[in-house]
């Protein structure tokens, strides 16, 4: 397991520097139809547009690491149980894109199971990680659904779907609510999220409507709602398991170092080429594997997520 020993300057560099290897891998993934999350690319664009964002994210990281250092895996949140209200914003051109209330509820149900370790496949966690597989203990409740017809065939990743003036829907109470947008993103992107520290006017998670919730066999292998779990993990301050760099750092001490993104349904054990020799945690929600192949968070990830909801954290107002 890795240790988190980052100076303020190193953290600032982590948030403000683009990794060419990751970009190349993502382009290759798009060409072969494999999972693509645009959260990192969107972050890079936001950092370029707003130089102060890196400073805010550095401050959040300093706060997070300080808070984690005072907690263990059995910590209690300052405001007790966290229940996150969720508003769904559906943007549709076709009847298929106008996803049903039942499909929307299925995404909420998946989030509740995955973040409380009540998902049926949680029992598949390998024995070597059974001691750190986490019940994050955060739940979600549907607070509202907004729907809007549109003529757009795709929305891209420049947050147009989050703006009424640009034909989308503004976020609802973003300081106290998680907003999810369901729409056609395009470009092979399954979804993306905004990390803590970004503008409230664009805060939330975007999921392509084809992969929203339990979306049916036609959307396999991304039909089990795990795109939502992955993206909400980003919204709660988790990085990709490989740290968006070759053998990179995801800022979590108990996740094994990964060479790069993993795809499909890798057989366990999956031996890493990052030294020293160890197995990669391909079943972690923050990898790029198929929905059926991801089914766990770690205690370190739990602590990192929960820290942002504690007093003074960037999402402390949510779930109060």
C-alpha atoms as a PDB file:
ATOM      1  CA  UNK A   1       0.000   0.000   0.000  1.00  0.00           C
ATOM      2  CA  UNK A   2       1.175   3.484  -0.689  1.00  0.00           C
ATOM      3  CA  UNK A   3       1.748   6.358   1.702  1.00  0.00           C
ATOM      4  CA  UNK A   4       0.382   9.836   1.111  1.00  0.00           C
ATOM      5  CA  UNK A   5       3.296  12.218   1.465  1.00  0.00           C
ATOM      6  CA  UNK A   6       2.507  15.214  -0.703  1.00  0.00           C
ATOM      7  CA  UNK A   7       3.654  18.762  -0.192  1.00  0.00           C
ATOM      8  CA  UNK A   8       1.319  21.620  -1.030  1.00  0.00           C
ATOM      9  CA  UNK A   9       3.319  22.266  -4.192  1.00  0.00           C
ATOM     10  CA  UNK A  10       3.045  18.630  -5.246  1.00  0.00           C
ATOM     11  CA  UNK A  11      -0.703  18.632  -4.745  1.00  0.00           C
ATOM     12  CA  UNK A  12      -1.030  21.853  -6.740  1.00  0.00           C
ATOM     13  CA  UNK A  13       0.963  20.264  -9.558  1.00  0.00           C
ATOM     14  CA  UNK A  14      -1.227  17.157  -9.422  1.00  0.00           C
ATOM     15  CA  UNK A  15      -4.347  19.225 -10.039  1.00  0.00           C
ATOM     16  CA  UNK A  16      -2.888  21.607 -12.606  1.00  0.00           C
ATOM     17  CA  UNK A  17      -0.815  19.360 -14.922  1.00  0.00           C
ATOM     18  CA  UNK A  18      -2.253  17.282 -17.767  1.00  0.00           C
ATOM     19  CA  UNK A  19      -0.976  13.713 -18.082  1.00  0.00           C
ATOM     20  CA  UNK A  20      -0.237  12.816 -21.710  1.00  0.00           C
ATOM     21  CA  UNK A  21      -0.211   9.052 -21.117  1.00  0.00           C
ATOM     22  CA  UNK A  22      -3.715   9.115 -19.685  1.00  0.00           C
ATOM     23  CA  UNK A  23      -5.012  11.271 -22.539  1.00  0.00           C
ATOM     24  CA  UNK A  24      -3.592   8.824 -25.087  1.00  0.00           C
ATOM     25  CA  UNK A  25      -5.106   5.857 -23.264  1.00  0.00           C
ATOM     26  CA  UNK A  26      -8.506   7.546 -23.121  1.00  0.00           C
ATOM     27  CA  UNK A  27      -8.452   8.229 -26.858  1.00  0.00           C
ATOM     28  CA  UNK A  28      -7.610   4.581 -27.484  1.00  0.00           C
ATOM     29  CA  UNK A  29     -10.432   3.541 -25.170  1.00  0.00           C
ATOM     30  CA  UNK A  30     -12.886   5.683 -27.102  1.00  0.00           C
ATOM     31  CA  UNK A  31     -11.820   4.080 -30.366  1.00  0.00           C
ATOM     32  CA  UNK A  32     -12.543   0.581 -29.014  1.00  0.00           C
ATOM     33  CA  UNK A  33     -15.790   1.393 -27.220  1.00  0.00           C
ATOM     34  CA  UNK A  34     -14.364   0.987 -23.708  1.00  0.00           C
ATOM     35  CA  UNK A  35     -15.404   2.972 -20.628  1.00  0.00           C
ATOM     36  CA  UNK A  36     -14.593   6.655 -20.781  1.00  0.00           C
ATOM     37  CA  UNK A  37     -15.063   9.138 -17.955  1.00  0.00           C
ATOM     38  CA  UNK A  38     -14.362  12.769 -18.825  1.00  0.00           C
ATOM     39  CA  UNK A  39     -14.016  14.061 -15.264  1.00  0.00           C
ATOM     40  CA  UNK A  40     -10.257  14.577 -15.541  1.00  0.00           C
ATOM     41  CA  UNK A  41     -10.510  16.254 -18.952  1.00  0.00           C
ATOM     42  CA  UNK A  42     -13.238  18.571 -17.681  1.00  0.00           C
ATOM     43  CA  UNK A  43     -11.109  19.394 -14.643  1.00  0.00           C
ATOM     44  CA  UNK A  44      -8.164  20.324 -16.853  1.00  0.00           C
ATOM     45  CA  UNK A  45     -10.369  22.650 -18.898  1.00  0.00           C
ATOM     46  CA  UNK A  46     -11.716  24.263 -15.719  1.00  0.00           C
ATOM     47  CA  UNK A  47      -8.207  24.731 -14.347  1.00  0.00           C
ATOM     48  CA  UNK A  48      -7.146  26.437 -17.569  1.00  0.00           C
ATOM     49  CA  UNK A  49     -10.178  28.733 -17.512  1.00  0.00           C
ATOM     50  CA  UNK A  50      -9.876  29.573 -13.808  1.00  0.00           C
ATOM     51  CA  UNK A  51      -6.327  29.617 -12.348  1.00  0.00           C
ATOM     52  CA  UNK A  52      -7.752  30.096  -8.845  1.00  0.00           C
ATOM     53  CA  UNK A  53      -9.392  26.648  -8.992  1.00  0.00           C
ATOM     54  CA  UNK A  54      -6.054  24.911  -8.429  1.00  0.00           C
ATOM     55  CA  UNK A  55      -5.555  26.994  -5.286  1.00  0.00           C
ATOM     56  CA  UNK A  56      -9.024  26.079  -3.973  1.00  0.00           C
ATOM     57  CA  UNK A  57      -8.469  22.406  -4.714  1.00  0.00           C
ATOM     58  CA  UNK A  58      -5.091  22.524  -3.013  1.00  0.00           C
ATOM     59  CA  UNK A  59      -6.748  23.988   0.093  1.00  0.00           C
ATOM     60  CA  UNK A  60      -9.412  21.267  -0.034  1.00  0.00           C
ATOM     61  CA  UNK A  61      -6.714  18.592  -0.325  1.00  0.00           C
ATOM     62  CA  UNK A  62      -4.817  20.004   2.640  1.00  0.00           C
ATOM     63  CA  UNK A  63      -8.059  20.019   4.662  1.00  0.00           C
ATOM     64  CA  UNK A  64      -8.891  16.465   3.544  1.00  0.00           C
ATOM     65  CA  UNK A  65      -5.524  14.997   4.475  1.00  0.00           C
ATOM     66  CA  UNK A  66      -5.562  16.774   7.853  1.00  0.00           C
ATOM     67  CA  UNK A  67      -9.051  15.485   8.593  1.00  0.00           C
ATOM     68  CA  UNK A  68      -8.201  11.929   7.538  1.00  0.00           C
ATOM     69  CA  UNK A  69      -5.132  11.930   9.764  1.00  0.00           C
ATOM     70  CA  UNK A  70      -7.406  12.434  12.790  1.00  0.00           C
ATOM     71  CA  UNK A  71      -9.847   9.709  11.812  1.00  0.00           C
ATOM     72  CA  UNK A  72      -9.876   5.953  11.443  1.00  0.00           C
ATOM     73  CA  UNK A  73     -12.174   3.664   9.491  1.00  0.00           C
ATOM     74  CA  UNK A  74     -14.775   3.784  12.283  1.00  0.00           C
ATOM     75  CA  UNK A  75     -15.065   7.563  12.514  1.00  0.00           C
ATOM     76  CA  UNK A  76     -18.378   9.356  12.925  1.00  0.00           C
ATOM     77  CA  UNK A  77     -19.316  12.287  10.743  1.00  0.00           C
ATOM     78  CA  UNK A  78     -19.841  15.595  12.504  1.00  0.00           C
ATOM     79  CA  UNK A  79     -23.498  15.766  11.481  1.00  0.00           C
ATOM     80  CA  UNK A  80     -24.162  12.069  11.960  1.00  0.00           C
ATOM     81  CA  UNK A  81     -25.786  10.120   9.148  1.00  0.00           C
ATOM     82  CA  UNK A  82     -25.419  11.671   5.700  1.00  0.00           C
ATOM     83  CA  UNK A  83     -28.442  11.445   3.410  1.00  0.00           C
ATOM     84  CA  UNK A  84     -27.877  13.302   0.145  1.00  0.00           C
ATOM     85  CA  UNK A  85     -30.892  14.772  -1.684  1.00  0.00           C
ATOM     86  CA  UNK A  86     -30.627  14.207  -5.429  1.00  0.00           C
ATOM     87  CA  UNK A  87     -32.280  16.189  -8.223  1.00  0.00           C
ATOM     88  CA  UNK A  88     -32.369  14.573 -11.658  1.00  0.00           C
ATOM     89  CA  UNK A  89     -32.308  16.805 -14.757  1.00  0.00           C
ATOM     90  CA  UNK A  90     -33.414  14.937 -17.871  1.00  0.00           C
ATOM     91  CA  UNK A  91     -32.674  16.470 -21.270  1.00  0.00           C
ATOM     92  CA  UNK A  92     -34.169  14.542 -24.170  1.00  0.00           C
ATOM     93  CA  UNK A  93     -34.647  14.671 -27.911  1.00  0.00           C
ATOM     94  CA  UNK A  94     -36.161  11.211 -28.324  1.00  0.00           C
ATOM     95  CA  UNK A  95     -38.563   9.134 -26.249  1.00  0.00           C
ATOM     96  CA  UNK A  96     -35.698   6.776 -25.370  1.00  0.00           C
ATOM     97  CA  UNK A  97     -33.644   9.656 -23.956  1.00  0.00           C
ATOM     98  CA  UNK A  98     -36.624  10.712 -21.819  1.00  0.00           C
ATOM     99  CA  UNK A  99     -35.807   7.999 -19.297  1.00  0.00           C
ATOM    100  CA  UNK A 100     -38.600   6.764 -17.057  1.00  0.00           C
ATOM    101  CA  UNK A 101     -39.149   7.496 -13.386  1.00  0.00           C
ATOM    102  CA  UNK A 102     -38.462   3.808 -12.740  1.00  0.00           C
ATOM    103  CA  UNK A 103     -35.079   3.988 -14.448  1.00  0.00           C
ATOM    104  CA  UNK A 104     -34.240   7.101 -12.462  1.00  0.00           C
ATOM    105  CA  UNK A 105     -35.183   5.388  -9.212  1.00  0.00           C
ATOM    106  CA  UNK A 106     -33.037   2.407 -10.182  1.00  0.00           C
ATOM    107  CA  UNK A 107     -29.972   4.701 -10.238  1.00  0.00           C
ATOM    108  CA  UNK A 108     -30.790   5.978  -6.752  1.00  0.00           C
ATOM    109  CA  UNK A 109     -31.175   2.366  -5.611  1.00  0.00           C
ATOM    110  CA  UNK A 110     -27.797   1.397  -7.093  1.00  0.00           C
ATOM    111  CA  UNK A 111     -26.085   4.310  -5.367  1.00  0.00           C
ATOM    112  CA  UNK A 112     -27.647   3.356  -2.038  1.00  0.00           C
ATOM    113  CA  UNK A 113     -26.496  -0.240  -2.359  1.00  0.00           C
ATOM    114  CA  UNK A 114     -22.976   0.558  -3.580  1.00  0.00           C
ATOM    115  CA  UNK A 115     -22.310   3.217  -0.945  1.00  0.00           C
ATOM    116  CA  UNK A 116     -23.582   1.011   1.899  1.00  0.00           C
ATOM    117  CA  UNK A 117     -21.924  -2.227   0.758  1.00  0.00           C
ATOM    118  CA  UNK A 118     -25.305  -3.919   0.350  1.00  0.00           C
ATOM    119  CA  UNK A 119     -24.726  -4.600  -3.347  1.00  0.00           C
ATOM    120  CA  UNK A 120     -25.115  -8.299  -4.101  1.00  0.00           C
ATOM    121  CA  UNK A 121     -21.592  -8.586  -5.544  1.00  0.00           C
ATOM    122  CA  UNK A 122     -19.878  -7.078  -2.477  1.00  0.00           C
ATOM    123  CA  UNK A 123     -19.318 -10.655  -1.335  1.00  0.00           C
ATOM    124  CA  UNK A 124     -16.987 -11.148  -4.290  1.00  0.00           C
ATOM    125  CA  UNK A 125     -14.298  -8.899  -2.765  1.00  0.00           C
ATOM    126  CA  UNK A 126     -11.062 -10.957  -2.689  1.00  0.00           C
ATOM    127  CA  UNK A 127      -9.887 -12.102   0.736  1.00  0.00           C
ATOM    128  CA  UNK A 128      -6.738  -9.976   0.576  1.00  0.00           C
ATOM    129  CA  UNK A 129      -8.920  -6.823   0.682  1.00  0.00           C
ATOM    130  CA  UNK A 130     -11.815  -8.045   2.818  1.00  0.00           C
ATOM    131  CA  UNK A 131     -10.441  -6.122   5.800  1.00  0.00           C
ATOM    132  CA  UNK A 132     -10.486  -2.767   3.994  1.00  0.00           C
ATOM    133  CA  UNK A 133     -13.623  -3.157   1.843  1.00  0.00           C
ATOM    134  CA  UNK A 134     -15.856  -0.324   3.023  1.00  0.00           C
ATOM    135  CA  UNK A 135     -19.424   0.471   3.851  1.00  0.00           C
ATOM    136  CA  UNK A 136     -19.203   4.184   3.083  1.00  0.00           C
ATOM    137  CA  UNK A 137     -22.423   4.768   5.015  1.00  0.00           C
ATOM    138  CA  UNK A 138     -23.761   7.564   2.812  1.00  0.00           C
ATOM    139  CA  UNK A 139     -27.231   7.260   1.298  1.00  0.00           C
ATOM    140  CA  UNK A 140     -29.231   9.109  -1.349  1.00  0.00           C
ATOM    141  CA  UNK A 141     -32.861  10.137  -1.721  1.00  0.00           C
ATOM    142  CA  UNK A 142     -34.655  11.385  -4.816  1.00  0.00           C
ATOM    143  CA  UNK A 143     -35.646  15.012  -4.226  1.00  0.00           C
ATOM    144  CA  UNK A 144     -37.051  15.875  -7.642  1.00  0.00           C
ATOM    145  CA  UNK A 145     -37.052  15.326 -11.393  1.00  0.00           C
ATOM    146  CA  UNK A 146     -36.837  18.090 -14.000  1.00  0.00           C
ATOM    147  CA  UNK A 147     -37.464  17.288 -17.664  1.00  0.00           C
ATOM    148  CA  UNK A 148     -36.821  19.364 -20.757  1.00  0.00           C
ATOM    149  CA  UNK A 149     -37.222  18.571 -24.461  1.00  0.00           C
ATOM    150  CA  UNK A 150     -34.376  19.656 -26.716  1.00  0.00           C
ATOM    151  CA  UNK A 151     -33.298  19.497 -30.337  1.00  0.00           C
ATOM    152  CA  UNK A 152     -29.652  18.819 -29.472  1.00  0.00           C
ATOM    153  CA  UNK A 153     -28.287  15.467 -30.584  1.00  0.00           C
ATOM    154  CA  UNK A 154     -25.409  15.591 -28.077  1.00  0.00           C
ATOM    155  CA  UNK A 155     -24.188  17.914 -25.325  1.00  0.00           C
ATOM    156  CA  UNK A 156     -20.433  17.351 -25.075  1.00  0.00           C
ATOM    157  CA  UNK A 157     -18.454  18.056 -21.910  1.00  0.00           C
ATOM    158  CA  UNK A 158     -18.465  21.862 -21.690  1.00  0.00           C
ATOM    159  CA  UNK A 159     -21.346  21.955 -19.191  1.00  0.00           C
ATOM    160  CA  UNK A 160     -23.945  23.342 -21.611  1.00  0.00           C
ATOM    161  CA  UNK A 161     -26.481  20.901 -20.181  1.00  0.00           C
ATOM    162  CA  UNK A 162     -26.104  22.662 -16.825  1.00  0.00           C
ATOM    163  CA  UNK A 163     -27.207  26.054 -18.155  1.00  0.00           C
ATOM    164  CA  UNK A 164     -30.771  27.078 -18.964  1.00  0.00           C
ATOM    165  CA  UNK A 165     -29.392  29.873 -21.158  1.00  0.00           C
ATOM    166  CA  UNK A 166     -27.565  27.273 -23.252  1.00  0.00           C
ATOM    167  CA  UNK A 167     -30.606  25.073 -23.625  1.00  0.00           C
ATOM    168  CA  UNK A 168     -30.009  22.892 -20.587  1.00  0.00           C
ATOM    169  CA  UNK A 169     -31.195  23.051 -16.994  1.00  0.00           C
ATOM    170  CA  UNK A 170     -29.558  25.054 -14.206  1.00  0.00           C
ATOM    171  CA  UNK A 171     -28.622  23.050 -11.100  1.00  0.00           C
ATOM    172  CA  UNK A 172     -31.132  23.072  -8.243  1.00  0.00           C
ATOM    173  CA  UNK A 173     -29.743  24.275  -4.877  1.00  0.00           C
ATOM    174  CA  UNK A 174     -26.209  23.005  -5.661  1.00  0.00           C
ATOM    175  CA  UNK A 175     -24.820  23.919  -2.233  1.00  0.00           C
ATOM    176  CA  UNK A 176     -27.193  21.469  -0.520  1.00  0.00           C
ATOM    177  CA  UNK A 177     -28.150  19.036  -3.297  1.00  0.00           C
ATOM    178  CA  UNK A 178     -26.474  16.608  -5.676  1.00  0.00           C
ATOM    179  CA  UNK A 179     -27.620  17.357  -9.220  1.00  0.00           C
ATOM    180  CA  UNK A 180     -27.488  14.607 -11.847  1.00  0.00           C
ATOM    181  CA  UNK A 181     -28.003  15.366 -15.536  1.00  0.00           C
ATOM    182  CA  UNK A 182     -29.191  12.576 -17.841  1.00  0.00           C
ATOM    183  CA  UNK A 183     -28.562  13.396 -21.495  1.00  0.00           C
ATOM    184  CA  UNK A 184     -26.691  12.231 -24.564  1.00  0.00           C
ATOM    185  CA  UNK A 185     -23.088  13.338 -24.053  1.00  0.00           C
ATOM    186  CA  UNK A 186     -21.491  12.017 -27.248  1.00  0.00           C
ATOM    187  CA  UNK A 187     -17.890  11.172 -28.082  1.00  0.00           C
ATOM    188  CA  UNK A 188     -18.031   7.797 -26.344  1.00  0.00           C
ATOM    189  CA  UNK A 189     -18.236   9.495 -22.928  1.00  0.00           C
ATOM    190  CA  UNK A 190     -20.308   7.597 -20.340  1.00  0.00           C
ATOM    191  CA  UNK A 191     -20.244  10.394 -17.786  1.00  0.00           C
ATOM    192  CA  UNK A 192     -18.281  13.014 -15.908  1.00  0.00           C
ATOM    193  CA  UNK A 193     -18.372  14.820 -12.577  1.00  0.00           C
ATOM    194  CA  UNK A 194     -17.178  18.071 -11.069  1.00  0.00           C
ATOM    195  CA  UNK A 195     -14.715  17.713  -8.206  1.00  0.00           C
ATOM    196  CA  UNK A 196     -15.173  19.727  -4.996  1.00  0.00           C
ATOM    197  CA  UNK A 197     -13.931  23.279  -5.418  1.00  0.00           C
ATOM    198  CA  UNK A 198     -15.512  24.070  -8.771  1.00  0.00           C
ATOM    199  CA  UNK A 199     -18.197  26.641  -9.500  1.00  0.00           C
ATOM    200  CA  UNK A 200     -21.596  26.025  -7.915  1.00  0.00           C
ATOM    201  CA  UNK A 201     -23.217  26.918 -11.251  1.00  0.00           C
ATOM    202  CA  UNK A 202     -21.799  23.739 -12.815  1.00  0.00           C
ATOM    203  CA  UNK A 203     -21.631  21.464  -9.783  1.00  0.00           C
ATOM    204  CA  UNK A 204     -22.894  17.920 -10.122  1.00  0.00           C
ATOM    205  CA  UNK A 205     -22.660  14.789 -12.241  1.00  0.00           C
ATOM    206  CA  UNK A 206     -23.529  14.124 -15.890  1.00  0.00           C
ATOM    207  CA  UNK A 207     -24.435  10.592 -17.014  1.00  0.00           C
ATOM    208  CA  UNK A 208     -25.280   9.616 -20.563  1.00  0.00           C
ATOM    209  CA  UNK A 209     -28.948   8.624 -20.538  1.00  0.00           C
ATOM    210  CA  UNK A 210     -28.086   5.294 -22.184  1.00  0.00           C
ATOM    211  CA  UNK A 211     -26.109   4.287 -19.082  1.00  0.00           C
ATOM    212  CA  UNK A 212     -28.289   5.847 -16.385  1.00  0.00           C
ATOM    213  CA  UNK A 213     -29.352   3.327 -13.732  1.00  0.00           C
ATOM    214  CA  UNK A 214     -30.430  -0.170 -14.717  1.00  0.00           C
ATOM    215  CA  UNK A 215     -30.551   0.624 -18.398  1.00  0.00           C
ATOM    216  CA  UNK A 216     -31.119  -2.811 -19.922  1.00  0.00           C
ATOM    217  CA  UNK A 217     -29.118  -5.355 -21.875  1.00  0.00           C
ATOM    218  CA  UNK A 218     -28.797  -3.006 -24.837  1.00  0.00           C
ATOM    219  CA  UNK A 219     -26.438  -0.815 -22.805  1.00  0.00           C
ATOM    220  CA  UNK A 220     -24.265  -3.660 -21.522  1.00  0.00           C
ATOM    221  CA  UNK A 221     -21.588  -3.842 -20.238  1.00  0.00           C
ATOM    222  CA  UNK A 222     -22.461  -0.481 -18.643  1.00  0.00           C
ATOM    223  CA  UNK A 223     -26.073  -1.246 -17.729  1.00  0.00           C
ATOM    224  CA  UNK A 224     -25.861  -1.764 -13.957  1.00  0.00           C
ATOM    225  CA  UNK A 225     -25.697   1.868 -12.820  1.00  0.00           C
ATOM    226  CA  UNK A 226     -21.994   1.810 -11.932  1.00  0.00           C
ATOM    227  CA  UNK A 227     -21.259   4.828 -14.143  1.00  0.00           C
ATOM    228  CA  UNK A 228     -23.301   6.748 -11.567  1.00  0.00           C
ATOM    229  CA  UNK A 229     -21.344   5.195  -8.689  1.00  0.00           C
ATOM    230  CA  UNK A 230     -18.013   6.027 -10.355  1.00  0.00           C
ATOM    231  CA  UNK A 231     -18.969   9.629 -11.130  1.00  0.00           C
ATOM    232  CA  UNK A 232     -20.483  10.311  -7.712  1.00  0.00           C
ATOM    233  CA  UNK A 233     -17.179   9.025  -6.313  1.00  0.00           C
ATOM    234  CA  UNK A 234     -15.447  11.827  -8.227  1.00  0.00           C
ATOM    235  CA  UNK A 235     -18.017  14.340  -6.965  1.00  0.00           C
ATOM    236  CA  UNK A 236     -17.032  13.164  -3.467  1.00  0.00           C
ATOM    237  CA  UNK A 237     -13.341  13.865  -4.192  1.00  0.00           C
ATOM    238  CA  UNK A 238     -12.074  10.450  -5.337  1.00  0.00           C
ATOM    239  CA  UNK A 239      -9.520  10.222  -8.114  1.00  0.00           C
ATOM    240  CA  UNK A 240      -9.195   7.390 -10.625  1.00  0.00           C
ATOM    241  CA  UNK A 241      -7.534   4.381  -9.033  1.00  0.00           C
ATOM    242  CA  UNK A 242      -4.404   4.832 -11.191  1.00  0.00           C
ATOM    243  CA  UNK A 243      -4.119   8.524 -10.282  1.00  0.00           C
ATOM    244  CA  UNK A 244      -4.419   9.580 -13.956  1.00  0.00           C
ATOM    245  CA  UNK A 245      -0.744   8.748 -14.453  1.00  0.00           C
ATOM    246  CA  UNK A 246       1.342   5.642 -15.041  1.00  0.00           C
ATOM    247  CA  UNK A 247       1.618   3.986 -11.598  1.00  0.00           C
ATOM    248  CA  UNK A 248       0.205   7.249 -10.252  1.00  0.00           C
ATOM    249  CA  UNK A 249      -1.155   8.384  -6.902  1.00  0.00           C
ATOM    250  CA  UNK A 250      -4.894   8.500  -6.240  1.00  0.00           C
ATOM    251  CA  UNK A 251      -4.273  10.149  -2.834  1.00  0.00           C
ATOM    252  CA  UNK A 252      -5.656   7.128  -0.958  1.00  0.00           C
ATOM    253  CA  UNK A 253      -3.241   5.084   1.148  1.00  0.00           C
ATOM    254  CA  UNK A 254      -4.949   1.678   1.061  1.00  0.00           C
ATOM    255  CA  UNK A 255      -5.592   1.305  -2.686  1.00  0.00           C
ATOM    256  CA  UNK A 256      -2.827  -0.634  -4.476  1.00  0.00           C
ATOM    257  CA  UNK A 257      -0.876   1.279  -7.110  1.00  0.00           C
ATOM    258  CA  UNK A 258      -2.249   0.674 -10.626  1.00  0.00           C
ATOM    259  CA  UNK A 259      -0.322   0.944 -13.877  1.00  0.00           C
ATOM    260  CA  UNK A 260      -3.195   2.560 -15.766  1.00  0.00           C
ATOM    261  CA  UNK A 261      -6.924   2.122 -16.350  1.00  0.00           C
ATOM    262  CA  UNK A 262      -8.191  -1.452 -16.541  1.00  0.00           C
ATOM    263  CA  UNK A 263     -11.056  -2.455 -18.826  1.00  0.00           C
ATOM    264  CA  UNK A 264     -13.488  -5.307 -19.259  1.00  0.00           C
ATOM    265  CA  UNK A 265     -13.691  -7.952 -16.518  1.00  0.00           C
ATOM    266  CA  UNK A 266     -10.107  -8.822 -15.515  1.00  0.00           C
ATOM    267  CA  UNK A 267      -9.548 -12.179 -13.854  1.00  0.00           C
ATOM    268  CA  UNK A 268      -8.281 -12.063 -10.260  1.00  0.00           C
ATOM    269  CA  UNK A 269      -5.454 -11.953  -9.370  1.00  0.00           C
ATOM    270  CA  UNK A 270      -4.399  -9.224 -11.789  1.00  0.00           C
ATOM    271  CA  UNK A 271      -0.670  -8.766 -11.163  1.00  0.00           C
ATOM    272  CA  UNK A 272       0.554  -5.196 -11.560  1.00  0.00           C
ATOM    273  CA  UNK A 273       3.633  -4.192 -13.490  1.00  0.00           C
ATOM    274  CA  UNK A 274       4.178  -1.405 -10.958  1.00  0.00           C
ATOM    275  CA  UNK A 275       6.828  -2.447  -8.443  1.00  0.00           C
ATOM    276  CA  UNK A 276       6.995  -3.964  -5.903  1.00  0.00           C
ATOM    277  CA  UNK A 277       4.937  -6.883  -7.219  1.00  0.00           C
ATOM    278  CA  UNK A 278       1.304  -6.795  -6.069  1.00  0.00           C
ATOM    279  CA  UNK A 279      -2.243  -7.312  -7.289  1.00  0.00           C
ATOM    280  CA  UNK A 280      -4.260  -4.416  -8.716  1.00  0.00           C
ATOM    281  CA  UNK A 281      -7.725  -3.689  -7.307  1.00  0.00           C
ATOM    282  CA  UNK A 282      -9.542  -3.897 -10.630  1.00  0.00           C
ATOM    283  CA  UNK A 283     -12.903  -4.293  -8.899  1.00  0.00           C
ATOM    284  CA  UNK A 284     -12.692  -0.826  -7.339  1.00  0.00           C
ATOM    285  CA  UNK A 285     -15.447   1.544  -8.449  1.00  0.00           C
ATOM    286  CA  UNK A 286     -12.833   4.110  -9.499  1.00  0.00           C
ATOM    287  CA  UNK A 287     -11.259   1.901 -12.182  1.00  0.00           C
ATOM    288  CA  UNK A 288     -12.588   1.656 -15.770  1.00  0.00           C
ATOM    289  CA  UNK A 289     -13.754  -1.962 -15.683  1.00  0.00           C
ATOM    290  CA  UNK A 290     -17.222  -3.102 -16.785  1.00  0.00           C
ATOM    291  CA  UNK A 291     -20.164  -2.516 -14.445  1.00  0.00           C
ATOM    292  CA  UNK A 292     -20.295  -6.188 -13.438  1.00  0.00           C
ATOM    293  CA  UNK A 293     -16.571  -6.104 -12.592  1.00  0.00           C
ATOM    294  CA  UNK A 294     -16.577  -3.185 -10.099  1.00  0.00           C
ATOM    295  CA  UNK A 295     -18.059  -3.603  -6.643  1.00  0.00           C
ATOM    296  CA  UNK A 296     -16.032  -2.021  -3.832  1.00  0.00           C
ATOM    297  CA  UNK A 297     -14.664   1.090  -2.165  1.00  0.00           C
ATOM    298  CA  UNK A 298     -11.923   0.973   0.492  1.00  0.00           C
ATOM    299  CA  UNK A 299     -11.787   2.399   3.995  1.00  0.00           C
ATOM    300  CA  UNK A 300      -9.280   4.958   2.736  1.00  0.00           C
ATOM    301  CA  UNK A 301     -11.665   6.071   0.030  1.00  0.00           C
ATOM    302  CA  UNK A 302     -14.461   6.178   2.605  1.00  0.00           C
ATOM    303  CA  UNK A 303     -12.456   8.496   4.833  1.00  0.00           C
ATOM    304  CA  UNK A 304     -11.544  10.719   1.885  1.00  0.00           C
ATOM    305  CA  UNK A 305     -15.190  11.031   0.800  1.00  0.00           C
ATOM    306  CA  UNK A 306     -16.541  11.571   4.279  1.00  0.00           C
ATOM    307  CA  UNK A 307     -13.985  14.294   5.058  1.00  0.00           C
ATOM    308  CA  UNK A 308     -15.616  16.712   2.612  1.00  0.00           C
ATOM    309  CA  UNK A 309     -18.902  16.532   4.549  1.00  0.00           C
ATOM    310  CA  UNK A 310     -17.365  17.296   7.946  1.00  0.00           C
ATOM    311  CA  UNK A 311     -17.433  20.773   9.472  1.00  0.00           C
ATOM    312  CA  UNK A 312     -15.371  23.103   7.310  1.00  0.00           C
ATOM    313  CA  UNK A 313     -15.420  20.720   4.347  1.00  0.00           C
ATOM    314  CA  UNK A 314     -16.431  21.797   0.821  1.00  0.00           C
ATOM    315  CA  UNK A 315     -19.700  19.823   0.951  1.00  0.00           C
ATOM    316  CA  UNK A 316     -20.503  20.264   4.645  1.00  0.00           C
ATOM    317  CA  UNK A 317     -23.883  21.879   3.885  1.00  0.00           C
ATOM    318  CA  UNK A 318     -25.164  18.783   2.066  1.00  0.00           C
ATOM    319  CA  UNK A 319     -27.196  16.267   4.030  1.00  0.00           C
ATOM    320  CA  UNK A 320     -27.606  18.570   7.012  1.00  0.00           C
END
